[in-house]
């Protein structure tokens, strides 16, 4: 499989593009964790930036069921909403200094998010009503979260070495990982009915079925510190290797390929399929990487 990787400059060096998602308007929306802003890029076209509180630390961004973009403000301990016209609304959370990080739309129409510093999973409706659910673990550092195929929300517990599930009724189940100190971070639902996740501490990609069966796939470079993961249109999963300056791809049967990024030290973090069908990665150096595959690239 031929792979072409191109970088698109979207911000000043140091502003830290961190996570991205494909919006309903045909644009990529992304967070700038150090610059305190939200960016919008139409592939091959318009770039715009929407400033926030410079120190709020926007991290993960997703599309809500209301057609707006929702994001976590990790340092300001808030949930943000940005409409397609750029209007921003911010919602304070009940628990002080809870450190929201991951966020995802749930099957109930609400947004579900992790509270890294409070050992809780939060739920916010599109009109701003917040409910928090305590986890049966202390110091677990719940990180990213995604909707599963079973009407539950699945999340990584970075410091508890586990994958968790929370139902719409708030019931929580934890699944311990086979590898000690795996430190899972990114998680995404695959097209195969399982959840796939990145083990930043072990240099592995994991797969867990809704009934809790786990398989782990060691990467060629166990020190690469895989961070985020996303499915593409073919059913393969793409992931970032933060410490190795690479992106990788794993097929549903576990075959792995990795690809060097054009610029050294680019610090890849978030990754998502874009509105143009390509896979895009957020690079902290101030760029987005467009990854195109196929015989003609």
Protein backbone atom coordinates (compact mmCIF):
# COMPACT_ATOMS: atom_id res chain seq x y z
CA UNK A 1 0.00 0.00 0.00
CA UNK A 2 1.47 3.33 -1.07
CA UNK A 3 1.21 6.12 1.49
CA UNK A 4 1.61 9.87 0.92
CA UNK A 5 1.95 12.19 3.92
CA UNK A 6 1.67 15.96 3.45
CA UNK A 7 1.82 18.63 6.15
CA UNK A 8 -0.42 21.70 6.24
CA UNK A 9 0.66 24.62 8.46
CA UNK A 10 -2.28 25.76 10.60
CA UNK A 11 -0.76 27.61 13.55
CA UNK A 12 2.34 29.16 14.99
CA UNK A 13 4.99 26.85 16.40
CA UNK A 14 4.16 26.20 20.02
CA UNK A 15 0.38 26.58 19.76
CA UNK A 16 0.05 22.81 19.85
CA UNK A 17 -2.57 21.30 17.52
CA UNK A 18 -3.69 18.40 19.68
CA UNK A 19 -6.90 16.68 18.55
CA UNK A 20 -9.15 16.95 15.51
CA UNK A 21 -12.43 15.78 14.07
CA UNK A 22 -14.42 16.03 10.87
CA UNK A 23 -17.25 18.54 11.24
CA UNK A 24 -20.69 18.44 9.61
CA UNK A 25 -19.68 21.43 7.46
CA UNK A 26 -16.99 19.60 5.47
CA UNK A 27 -14.15 21.05 7.53
CA UNK A 28 -11.62 19.73 10.01
CA UNK A 29 -11.97 21.24 13.47
CA UNK A 30 -9.02 20.99 15.84
CA UNK A 31 -7.87 22.09 19.27
CA UNK A 32 -4.68 24.04 20.02
CA UNK A 33 -3.83 22.99 23.54
CA UNK A 34 -1.05 25.52 24.15
CA UNK A 35 -2.48 28.38 22.10
CA UNK A 36 -5.92 28.23 23.70
CA UNK A 37 -7.97 28.23 20.52
CA UNK A 38 -10.05 26.16 18.12
CA UNK A 39 -9.02 25.90 14.48
CA UNK A 40 -11.03 25.12 11.37
CA UNK A 41 -9.55 23.93 8.08
CA UNK A 42 -11.34 23.10 4.87
CA UNK A 43 -9.04 20.58 3.16
CA UNK A 44 -7.36 22.42 0.32
CA UNK A 45 -9.02 25.69 1.31
CA UNK A 46 -9.97 28.09 4.08
CA UNK A 47 -8.26 28.21 7.48
CA UNK A 48 -9.69 30.11 10.44
CA UNK A 49 -8.97 30.33 14.17
CA UNK A 50 -11.36 30.97 17.06
CA UNK A 51 -9.62 32.24 20.23
CA UNK A 52 -10.54 30.99 23.69
CA UNK A 53 -9.09 31.74 27.12
CA UNK A 54 -5.35 31.41 26.27
CA UNK A 55 -4.66 29.11 29.24
CA UNK A 56 -7.80 26.91 29.13
CA UNK A 57 -6.03 23.96 27.49
CA UNK A 58 -8.55 22.68 24.92
CA UNK A 59 -7.89 18.99 24.29
CA UNK A 60 -10.34 16.53 22.67
CA UNK A 61 -13.00 17.79 20.20
CA UNK A 62 -15.98 15.91 18.74
CA UNK A 63 -19.23 16.53 16.90
CA UNK A 64 -22.30 16.67 19.10
CA UNK A 65 -25.79 15.47 18.23
CA UNK A 66 -26.80 19.13 17.88
CA UNK A 67 -24.40 19.67 14.95
CA UNK A 68 -21.98 21.79 16.96
CA UNK A 69 -18.43 20.92 18.05
CA UNK A 70 -17.87 20.04 21.71
CA UNK A 71 -14.49 20.05 23.44
CA UNK A 72 -12.86 19.71 26.83
CA UNK A 73 -10.93 22.53 28.51
CA UNK A 74 -8.50 20.47 30.57
CA UNK A 75 -6.84 23.36 32.44
CA UNK A 76 -9.97 25.47 32.91
CA UNK A 77 -12.08 22.48 34.05
CA UNK A 78 -14.88 23.27 31.63
CA UNK A 79 -16.73 21.79 28.66
CA UNK A 80 -16.90 24.01 25.60
CA UNK A 81 -19.24 24.16 22.64
CA UNK A 82 -18.50 25.96 19.38
CA UNK A 83 -21.20 26.44 16.77
CA UNK A 84 -20.39 26.29 13.08
CA UNK A 85 -20.50 30.10 12.99
CA UNK A 86 -17.80 30.29 15.67
CA UNK A 87 -19.98 31.21 18.66
CA UNK A 88 -18.55 29.64 21.83
CA UNK A 89 -20.39 28.59 24.99
CA UNK A 90 -18.56 27.23 28.04
CA UNK A 91 -19.98 25.14 30.86
CA UNK A 92 -18.42 24.96 34.33
CA UNK A 93 -18.37 21.51 35.94
CA UNK A 94 -19.65 20.63 39.42
CA UNK A 95 -16.37 19.11 40.64
CA UNK A 96 -13.56 21.64 41.06
CA UNK A 97 -10.25 20.97 39.27
CA UNK A 98 -11.55 17.74 37.75
CA UNK A 99 -9.40 17.94 34.58
CA UNK A 100 -11.81 16.97 31.77
CA UNK A 101 -9.98 15.36 28.86
CA UNK A 102 -11.80 12.86 26.61
CA UNK A 103 -15.27 13.53 25.21
CA UNK A 104 -17.62 11.66 22.86
CA UNK A 105 -21.25 11.72 21.77
CA UNK A 106 -23.36 9.00 23.35
CA UNK A 107 -26.31 7.00 22.04
CA UNK A 108 -28.58 9.03 24.33
CA UNK A 109 -27.83 12.32 22.54
CA UNK A 110 -25.63 13.66 25.36
CA UNK A 111 -21.86 14.16 25.45
CA UNK A 112 -19.90 11.91 27.81
CA UNK A 113 -16.49 12.93 29.11
CA UNK A 114 -13.69 11.84 31.40
CA UNK A 115 -12.48 13.68 34.51
CA UNK A 116 -8.81 12.77 34.79
CA UNK A 117 -8.24 14.28 38.21
CA UNK A 118 -11.52 13.25 39.85
CA UNK A 119 -11.97 9.56 38.94
CA UNK A 120 -15.32 10.32 37.37
CA UNK A 121 -17.16 10.06 34.09
CA UNK A 122 -19.31 13.06 33.25
CA UNK A 123 -22.38 13.51 31.06
CA UNK A 124 -23.55 16.83 29.64
CA UNK A 125 -26.73 17.36 27.69
CA UNK A 126 -26.74 19.72 24.74
CA UNK A 127 -28.51 22.30 26.92
CA UNK A 128 -25.72 22.13 29.50
CA UNK A 129 -27.05 19.88 32.27
CA UNK A 130 -24.18 17.94 33.88
CA UNK A 131 -24.23 14.63 35.75
CA UNK A 132 -21.12 12.96 37.19
CA UNK A 133 -20.57 9.26 37.90
CA UNK A 134 -17.81 8.15 40.31
CA UNK A 135 -15.56 5.28 39.23
CA UNK A 136 -14.69 2.29 41.45
CA UNK A 137 -10.98 3.19 41.35
CA UNK A 138 -8.71 5.85 42.82
CA UNK A 139 -6.03 7.68 40.89
CA UNK A 140 -7.15 5.89 37.72
CA UNK A 141 -6.76 8.89 35.36
CA UNK A 142 -9.66 8.15 32.99
CA UNK A 143 -8.47 9.46 29.63
CA UNK A 144 -10.35 9.11 26.34
CA UNK A 145 -13.86 7.82 25.76
CA UNK A 146 -15.91 6.55 22.82
CA UNK A 147 -19.34 5.12 22.09
CA UNK A 148 -19.29 1.35 21.82
CA UNK A 149 -21.38 -0.99 19.66
CA UNK A 150 -23.39 -2.05 22.72
CA UNK A 151 -25.02 1.28 23.68
CA UNK A 152 -22.35 1.87 26.32
CA UNK A 153 -19.46 4.32 26.56
CA UNK A 154 -15.97 2.80 26.69
CA UNK A 155 -12.97 4.58 28.17
CA UNK A 156 -9.32 4.10 29.04
CA UNK A 157 -7.99 4.19 32.60
CA UNK A 158 -4.42 5.30 32.04
CA UNK A 159 -3.16 4.79 35.60
CA UNK A 160 -5.38 1.83 36.53
CA UNK A 161 -4.21 -0.24 33.56
CA UNK A 162 -7.77 -1.01 32.53
CA UNK A 163 -10.54 -0.37 30.04
CA UNK A 164 -13.88 0.72 31.44
CA UNK A 165 -17.48 0.72 30.28
CA UNK A 166 -20.32 2.86 31.58
CA UNK A 167 -23.92 2.19 30.65
CA UNK A 168 -26.60 4.80 30.13
CA UNK A 169 -27.77 4.00 33.66
CA UNK A 170 -24.34 4.85 35.11
CA UNK A 171 -23.33 1.26 35.85
CA UNK A 172 -19.55 0.83 35.47
CA UNK A 173 -17.54 -2.27 34.55
CA UNK A 174 -13.73 -2.35 34.53
CA UNK A 175 -11.57 -4.77 32.53
CA UNK A 176 -7.95 -5.17 33.65
CA UNK A 177 -5.35 -5.35 30.87
CA UNK A 178 -2.99 -8.33 30.52
CA UNK A 179 0.16 -6.20 30.30
CA UNK A 180 1.25 -4.35 33.42
CA UNK A 181 1.81 -0.59 33.13
CA UNK A 182 0.29 -0.53 29.64
CA UNK A 183 -1.15 2.96 30.38
CA UNK A 184 -3.89 3.05 27.71
CA UNK A 185 -4.79 6.47 26.28
CA UNK A 186 -6.64 6.62 22.94
CA UNK A 187 -9.68 4.44 22.26
CA UNK A 188 -12.00 4.10 19.27
CA UNK A 189 -14.74 1.81 18.05
CA UNK A 190 -13.64 -0.34 15.11
CA UNK A 191 -15.80 -1.53 12.24
CA UNK A 192 -15.46 -5.10 13.56
CA UNK A 193 -17.65 -4.59 16.62
CA UNK A 194 -14.69 -4.25 19.02
CA UNK A 195 -12.95 -1.36 20.74
CA UNK A 196 -9.33 -0.58 19.81
CA UNK A 197 -6.95 1.34 22.05
CA UNK A 198 -3.36 2.59 22.25
CA UNK A 199 -1.11 1.43 25.11
CA UNK A 200 1.32 4.33 25.44
CA UNK A 201 3.29 2.65 28.23
CA UNK A 202 3.71 -0.75 26.56
CA UNK A 203 4.09 0.16 22.89
CA UNK A 204 1.09 -1.94 21.91
CA UNK A 205 -2.31 -1.63 20.28
CA UNK A 206 -5.12 -3.38 22.13
CA UNK A 207 -8.49 -4.74 21.09
CA UNK A 208 -11.36 -5.51 23.46
CA UNK A 209 -14.72 -7.05 22.59
CA UNK A 210 -17.91 -5.93 24.35
CA UNK A 211 -17.78 -9.09 26.49
CA UNK A 212 -14.31 -8.11 27.77
CA UNK A 213 -11.98 -10.36 25.74
CA UNK A 214 -8.70 -8.54 25.17
CA UNK A 215 -5.96 -9.03 22.57
CA UNK A 216 -2.74 -7.01 22.46
CA UNK A 217 -0.55 -6.40 19.41
CA UNK A 218 3.07 -5.33 20.10
CA UNK A 219 4.38 -2.57 17.83
CA UNK A 220 7.70 -2.91 15.99
CA UNK A 221 9.07 -0.12 18.23
CA UNK A 222 7.89 -0.74 21.79
CA UNK A 223 9.25 2.69 22.86
CA UNK A 224 7.17 4.62 20.29
CA UNK A 225 4.46 5.66 22.82
CA UNK A 226 1.29 5.26 20.74
CA UNK A 227 -1.22 7.92 21.69
CA UNK A 228 -4.45 8.22 19.66
CA UNK A 229 -6.30 5.81 17.36
CA UNK A 230 -9.08 6.05 14.76
CA UNK A 231 -10.71 3.77 12.16
CA UNK A 232 -10.55 4.58 8.46
CA UNK A 233 -13.18 3.77 5.84
CA UNK A 234 -11.66 0.35 5.09
CA UNK A 235 -11.85 -0.98 8.65
CA UNK A 236 -8.17 -0.51 9.45
CA UNK A 237 -7.13 1.50 12.49
CA UNK A 238 -4.62 4.36 12.31
CA UNK A 239 -2.65 5.54 15.32
CA UNK A 240 -0.01 8.10 16.24
CA UNK A 241 3.41 7.21 17.67
CA UNK A 242 4.16 10.31 19.70
CA UNK A 243 7.75 9.49 20.71
CA UNK A 244 8.78 8.03 17.34
CA UNK A 245 7.46 10.73 14.98
CA UNK A 246 5.37 8.23 13.07
CA UNK A 247 1.83 7.19 12.25
CA UNK A 248 0.88 3.54 12.03
CA UNK A 249 -1.86 1.35 10.68
CA UNK A 250 -3.19 -1.94 12.03
CA UNK A 251 -5.57 -4.19 10.11
CA UNK A 252 -8.39 -6.05 11.89
CA UNK A 253 -6.25 -9.21 11.79
CA UNK A 254 -3.33 -7.46 13.52
CA UNK A 255 -0.96 -6.69 10.62
CA UNK A 256 0.95 -3.48 11.39
CA UNK A 257 2.73 -0.93 9.18
CA UNK A 258 4.33 2.32 10.32
CA UNK A 259 5.20 5.48 8.40
CA UNK A 260 7.66 8.28 9.19
CA UNK A 261 6.32 11.83 9.33
CA UNK A 262 8.04 14.39 7.07
CA UNK A 263 9.24 16.75 9.83
CA UNK A 264 11.44 15.50 12.68
CA UNK A 265 10.15 16.04 16.21
CA UNK A 266 6.62 16.90 15.08
CA UNK A 267 4.92 15.34 18.14
CA UNK A 268 1.84 13.64 16.62
CA UNK A 269 -1.15 13.42 18.93
CA UNK A 270 -4.75 13.25 17.70
CA UNK A 271 -5.82 11.40 14.56
CA UNK A 272 -9.11 11.26 12.67
CA UNK A 273 -10.63 10.59 9.28
CA UNK A 274 -11.21 13.88 7.49
CA UNK A 275 -14.12 15.06 5.35
CA UNK A 276 -12.04 14.31 2.23
CA UNK A 277 -11.69 10.62 3.15
CA UNK A 278 -8.02 10.92 4.10
CA UNK A 279 -6.68 10.30 7.59
CA UNK A 280 -5.40 13.45 9.34
CA UNK A 281 -3.12 13.78 12.36
CA UNK A 282 -2.53 16.79 14.62
CA UNK A 283 1.13 17.65 15.07
CA UNK A 284 2.13 19.87 17.98
CA UNK A 285 4.67 21.76 15.87
CA UNK A 286 1.77 23.69 14.33
CA UNK A 287 0.70 21.52 11.43
CA UNK A 288 -1.83 18.90 10.41
CA UNK A 289 -0.64 15.84 8.48
CA UNK A 290 -2.79 14.48 5.66
CA UNK A 291 -2.27 10.75 5.07
CA UNK A 292 -3.43 9.43 1.72
CA UNK A 293 -3.26 5.78 0.74
CA UNK A 294 -3.76 3.89 -2.49
CA UNK A 295 -1.99 2.75 -5.64
CA UNK A 296 -2.01 6.19 -7.23
CA UNK A 297 -0.50 8.31 -4.48
